[in-house]
Amino acid sequence: DGDGPALTPGAGVLAAALHFWQLPHFFSLAWICRDDYRKGGYQMLTLMDKTGKRTAACALRNCIYLLPLGFLAQKYNVATEEFTYVSAALTTVMACSALVFYTNPSVETARILFRASLIHLPLYMGSLLWFRRPVGSVEDVAAGEVRGAQ
């Protein structure tokens, strides 16, 4: 073709994980620091959201979007079945902290979500690395799918 390499499933899972993780992380921090953003003149969702429900709903929604990524990683031979379970457990913990923020929006509950996000990312990425299926692994060859092959 000459158009360059296509996006691999592994790159898609990684990009989606980082995208959906960053929003609960950011929204919780933005709620904690909303007075600083106001003083700095930044226009943020948290400044328009007096109750915190909208901000917390955005955070919760993106935690929920993280849930199927472990299954997709397994389906597309990016990671093993064990990653699916670890991913689901880690993401459920973060989603529960987002639910706490949603049910009772406050600086304290936003801080709980923020801390959960700080724990989630390295454990999630470390698990993805630990349980990865390398390109050209035995499972790929057996399935007749060597990623990256022309």
C-alpha atoms as a PDB file:
ATOM      1  CA  ASP A   1       0.000   0.000   0.000  1.00  0.00           C
ATOM      2  CA  GLY A   2       2.658   2.500   1.013  1.00  0.00           C
ATOM      3  CA  ASP A   3       0.296   4.129   3.530  1.00  0.00           C
ATOM      4  CA  GLY A   4       2.312   2.937   6.505  1.00  0.00           C
ATOM      5  CA  PRO A   5       1.493   0.415   9.201  1.00  0.00           C
ATOM      6  CA  ALA A   6      -2.044   0.003  10.437  1.00  0.00           C
ATOM      7  CA  LEU A   7      -2.936   0.533  14.074  1.00  0.00           C
ATOM      8  CA  THR A   8      -2.424  -2.764  15.860  1.00  0.00           C
ATOM      9  CA  PRO A   9      -4.901  -4.034  18.460  1.00  0.00           C
ATOM     10  CA  GLY A  10      -2.268  -3.603  21.157  1.00  0.00           C
ATOM     11  CA  ALA A  11      -1.802   0.052  20.283  1.00  0.00           C
ATOM     12  CA  GLY A  12      -5.577   0.514  20.283  1.00  0.00           C
ATOM     13  CA  VAL A  13      -5.973  -1.041  23.744  1.00  0.00           C
ATOM     14  CA  LEU A  14      -3.100   1.054  25.109  1.00  0.00           C
ATOM     15  CA  ALA A  15      -4.431   4.296  23.610  1.00  0.00           C
ATOM     16  CA  ALA A  16      -7.974   3.613  24.842  1.00  0.00           C
ATOM     17  CA  ALA A  17      -6.738   2.755  28.339  1.00  0.00           C
ATOM     18  CA  LEU A  18      -4.750   5.981  28.600  1.00  0.00           C
ATOM     19  CA  HIS A  19      -7.590   8.058  27.172  1.00  0.00           C
ATOM     20  CA  PHE A  20     -10.330   6.676  29.417  1.00  0.00           C
ATOM     21  CA  TRP A  21      -8.055   6.682  32.496  1.00  0.00           C
ATOM     22  CA  GLN A  22      -7.008  10.312  32.139  1.00  0.00           C
ATOM     23  CA  LEU A  23     -10.532  11.733  32.317  1.00  0.00           C
ATOM     24  CA  PRO A  24     -11.481  10.460  35.830  1.00  0.00           C
ATOM     25  CA  HIS A  25      -7.978  11.443  36.945  1.00  0.00           C
ATOM     26  CA  PHE A  26      -8.325  14.934  35.476  1.00  0.00           C
ATOM     27  CA  PHE A  27     -11.929  15.569  36.556  1.00  0.00           C
ATOM     28  CA  SER A  28     -11.202  14.589  40.144  1.00  0.00           C
ATOM     29  CA  LEU A  29      -8.169  16.879  40.217  1.00  0.00           C
ATOM     30  CA  ALA A  30     -10.120  19.666  38.517  1.00  0.00           C
ATOM     31  CA  TRP A  31     -12.817  19.411  41.206  1.00  0.00           C
ATOM     32  CA  ILE A  32     -10.215  19.549  43.980  1.00  0.00           C
ATOM     33  CA  CYS A  33      -8.509  22.588  42.394  1.00  0.00           C
ATOM     34  CA  ARG A  34     -11.573  24.368  40.999  1.00  0.00           C
ATOM     35  CA  ASP A  35     -10.979  27.525  43.064  1.00  0.00           C
ATOM     36  CA  ASP A  36      -7.455  27.773  41.678  1.00  0.00           C
ATOM     37  CA  TYR A  37      -8.784  27.379  38.142  1.00  0.00           C
ATOM     38  CA  ARG A  38     -11.356  30.106  38.816  1.00  0.00           C
ATOM     39  CA  LYS A  39      -8.668  32.476  40.145  1.00  0.00           C
ATOM     40  CA  GLY A  40      -6.497  31.716  37.110  1.00  0.00           C
ATOM     41  CA  GLY A  41      -9.338  32.526  34.731  1.00  0.00           C
ATOM     42  CA  TYR A  42      -9.586  29.028  33.236  1.00  0.00           C
ATOM     43  CA  GLN A  43     -12.971  27.970  31.898  1.00  0.00           C
ATOM     44  CA  MET A  44     -13.532  24.460  33.222  1.00  0.00           C
ATOM     45  CA  LEU A  45     -16.512  22.127  33.547  1.00  0.00           C
ATOM     46  CA  THR A  46     -15.981  22.171  37.304  1.00  0.00           C
ATOM     47  CA  LEU A  47     -16.619  25.928  37.392  1.00  0.00           C
ATOM     48  CA  MET A  48     -19.962  25.604  35.634  1.00  0.00           C
ATOM     49  CA  ASP A  49     -20.968  22.570  37.703  1.00  0.00           C
ATOM     50  CA  LYS A  50     -22.049  23.902  41.100  1.00  0.00           C
ATOM     51  CA  THR A  51     -23.068  20.515  42.557  1.00  0.00           C
ATOM     52  CA  GLY A  52     -20.259  18.359  41.150  1.00  0.00           C
ATOM     53  CA  LYS A  53     -22.716  15.813  39.751  1.00  0.00           C
ATOM     54  CA  ARG A  54     -21.857  16.537  36.113  1.00  0.00           C
ATOM     55  CA  THR A  55     -18.130  16.385  36.773  1.00  0.00           C
ATOM     56  CA  ALA A  56     -18.470  13.150  38.731  1.00  0.00           C
ATOM     57  CA  ALA A  57     -20.751  11.650  36.053  1.00  0.00           C
ATOM     58  CA  CYS A  58     -18.079  12.300  33.407  1.00  0.00           C
ATOM     59  CA  ALA A  59     -15.482  10.626  35.607  1.00  0.00           C
ATOM     60  CA  LEU A  60     -17.723   7.634  36.308  1.00  0.00           C
ATOM     61  CA  ARG A  61     -18.685   7.219  32.657  1.00  0.00           C
ATOM     62  CA  ASN A  62     -15.045   7.033  31.592  1.00  0.00           C
ATOM     63  CA  CYS A  63     -14.262   4.487  34.321  1.00  0.00           C
ATOM     64  CA  ILE A  64     -17.047   2.330  32.896  1.00  0.00           C
ATOM     65  CA  TYR A  65     -15.543   2.702  29.408  1.00  0.00           C
ATOM     66  CA  LEU A  66     -12.333   1.139  30.765  1.00  0.00           C
ATOM     67  CA  LEU A  67     -14.120  -2.094  31.728  1.00  0.00           C
ATOM     68  CA  PRO A  68     -14.259  -3.843  28.329  1.00  0.00           C
ATOM     69  CA  LEU A  69     -10.605  -3.161  27.477  1.00  0.00           C
ATOM     70  CA  GLY A  70      -9.355  -6.250  29.287  1.00  0.00           C
ATOM     71  CA  PHE A  71     -11.762  -8.401  27.303  1.00  0.00           C
ATOM     72  CA  LEU A  72     -10.706  -6.737  24.061  1.00  0.00           C
ATOM     73  CA  ALA A  73      -7.038  -7.282  24.905  1.00  0.00           C
ATOM     74  CA  GLN A  74      -7.719 -10.979  25.325  1.00  0.00           C
ATOM     75  CA  LYS A  75      -9.955 -11.235  22.249  1.00  0.00           C
ATOM     76  CA  TYR A  76      -7.309  -9.677  19.996  1.00  0.00           C
ATOM     77  CA  ASN A  77      -4.412 -11.682  21.518  1.00  0.00           C
ATOM     78  CA  VAL A  78      -2.807  -8.641  23.091  1.00  0.00           C
ATOM     79  CA  ALA A  79      -2.883 -10.151  26.596  1.00  0.00           C
ATOM     80  CA  THR A  80      -3.802 -13.365  28.362  1.00  0.00           C
ATOM     81  CA  GLU A  81      -7.035 -14.245  30.122  1.00  0.00           C
ATOM     82  CA  GLU A  82      -5.424 -13.359  33.459  1.00  0.00           C
ATOM     83  CA  PHE A  83      -5.128  -9.755  32.321  1.00  0.00           C
ATOM     84  CA  THR A  84      -8.869  -9.699  31.702  1.00  0.00           C
ATOM     85  CA  TYR A  85      -9.505 -10.505  35.365  1.00  0.00           C
ATOM     86  CA  VAL A  86      -6.845  -8.144  36.724  1.00  0.00           C
ATOM     87  CA  SER A  87      -8.082  -5.342  34.471  1.00  0.00           C
ATOM     88  CA  ALA A  88     -11.676  -5.877  35.579  1.00  0.00           C
ATOM     89  CA  ALA A  89     -10.695  -5.867  39.262  1.00  0.00           C
ATOM     90  CA  LEU A  90      -8.530  -2.742  39.020  1.00  0.00           C
ATOM     91  CA  THR A  91     -11.090  -0.866  36.965  1.00  0.00           C
ATOM     92  CA  THR A  92     -13.944  -1.881  39.269  1.00  0.00           C
ATOM     93  CA  VAL A  93     -12.081  -0.386  42.230  1.00  0.00           C
ATOM     94  CA  MET A  94     -11.557   2.882  40.362  1.00  0.00           C
ATOM     95  CA  ALA A  95     -15.173   2.890  39.141  1.00  0.00           C
ATOM     96  CA  CYS A  96     -16.394   2.370  42.717  1.00  0.00           C
ATOM     97  CA  SER A  97     -14.357   5.378  43.850  1.00  0.00           C
ATOM     98  CA  ALA A  98     -15.901   7.363  40.976  1.00  0.00           C
ATOM     99  CA  LEU A  99     -19.335   6.196  42.132  1.00  0.00           C
ATOM    100  CA  VAL A 100     -18.569   7.475  45.632  1.00  0.00           C
ATOM    101  CA  PHE A 101     -17.607  10.832  44.096  1.00  0.00           C
ATOM    102  CA  TYR A 102     -20.832  10.812  42.066  1.00  0.00           C
ATOM    103  CA  THR A 103     -23.115   9.984  45.010  1.00  0.00           C
ATOM    104  CA  ASN A 104     -21.470  12.579  47.251  1.00  0.00           C
ATOM    105  CA  PRO A 105     -19.455  15.156  45.271  1.00  0.00           C
ATOM    106  CA  SER A 106     -16.917  16.788  47.560  1.00  0.00           C
ATOM    107  CA  VAL A 107     -13.221  17.519  47.708  1.00  0.00           C
ATOM    108  CA  GLU A 108     -12.782  14.458  49.940  1.00  0.00           C
ATOM    109  CA  THR A 109     -14.517  12.040  47.550  1.00  0.00           C
ATOM    110  CA  ALA A 110     -12.749  13.596  44.558  1.00  0.00           C
ATOM    111  CA  ARG A 111      -9.470  13.009  46.374  1.00  0.00           C
ATOM    112  CA  ILE A 112     -10.399   9.340  46.847  1.00  0.00           C
ATOM    113  CA  LEU A 113     -10.944   9.009  43.092  1.00  0.00           C
ATOM    114  CA  PHE A 114      -7.737  10.907  42.345  1.00  0.00           C
ATOM    115  CA  ARG A 115      -5.705   8.575  44.559  1.00  0.00           C
ATOM    116  CA  ALA A 116      -7.414   5.523  43.052  1.00  0.00           C
ATOM    117  CA  SER A 117      -6.451   6.768  39.587  1.00  0.00           C
ATOM    118  CA  LEU A 118      -2.829   7.179  40.696  1.00  0.00           C
ATOM    119  CA  ILE A 119      -2.784   3.567  41.864  1.00  0.00           C
ATOM    120  CA  HIS A 120      -4.769   2.263  38.883  1.00  0.00           C
ATOM    121  CA  LEU A 121      -2.496   3.385  36.054  1.00  0.00           C
ATOM    122  CA  PRO A 122       0.817   1.770  37.071  1.00  0.00           C
ATOM    123  CA  LEU A 123      -0.907  -1.431  38.181  1.00  0.00           C
ATOM    124  CA  TYR A 124      -2.946  -1.602  34.964  1.00  0.00           C
ATOM    125  CA  MET A 125       0.034  -0.917  32.699  1.00  0.00           C
ATOM    126  CA  GLY A 126       2.256  -3.258  34.695  1.00  0.00           C
ATOM    127  CA  SER A 127      -0.363  -5.996  34.402  1.00  0.00           C
ATOM    128  CA  LEU A 128      -0.707  -5.403  30.679  1.00  0.00           C
ATOM    129  CA  LEU A 129       3.059  -5.759  30.352  1.00  0.00           C
ATOM    130  CA  TRP A 130       3.206  -8.829  32.606  1.00  0.00           C
ATOM    131  CA  PHE A 131       0.340 -10.665  30.888  1.00  0.00           C
ATOM    132  CA  ARG A 132       1.081  -9.511  27.337  1.00  0.00           C
ATOM    133  CA  ARG A 133       1.261 -11.857  24.408  1.00  0.00           C
ATOM    134  CA  PRO A 134       4.347 -10.892  22.431  1.00  0.00           C
ATOM    135  CA  VAL A 135       3.976 -10.349  18.695  1.00  0.00           C
ATOM    136  CA  GLY A 136       4.567 -13.679  16.978  1.00  0.00           C
ATOM    137  CA  SER A 137       3.880 -15.685  20.148  1.00  0.00           C
ATOM    138  CA  VAL A 138       2.906 -19.347  19.982  1.00  0.00           C
ATOM    139  CA  GLU A 139      -0.771 -18.418  20.398  1.00  0.00           C
ATOM    140  CA  ASP A 140      -0.584 -16.031  17.427  1.00  0.00           C
ATOM    141  CA  VAL A 141       1.131 -18.577  15.213  1.00  0.00           C
ATOM    142  CA  ALA A 142      -1.366 -21.291  16.215  1.00  0.00           C
ATOM    143  CA  ALA A 143      -4.234 -18.953  15.365  1.00  0.00           C
ATOM    144  CA  GLY A 144      -2.584 -18.067  12.054  1.00  0.00           C
ATOM    145  CA  GLU A 145      -2.284 -14.424  13.080  1.00  0.00           C
ATOM    146  CA  VAL A 146       1.165 -12.946  13.323  1.00  0.00           C
ATOM    147  CA  ARG A 147       0.599  -9.283  14.034  1.00  0.00           C
ATOM    148  CA  GLY A 148       2.695  -6.977  11.969  1.00  0.00           C
ATOM    149  CA  ALA A 149       3.142  -9.524   9.171  1.00  0.00           C
ATOM    150  CA  GLN A 150       2.531  -8.282   5.656  1.00  0.00           C
END
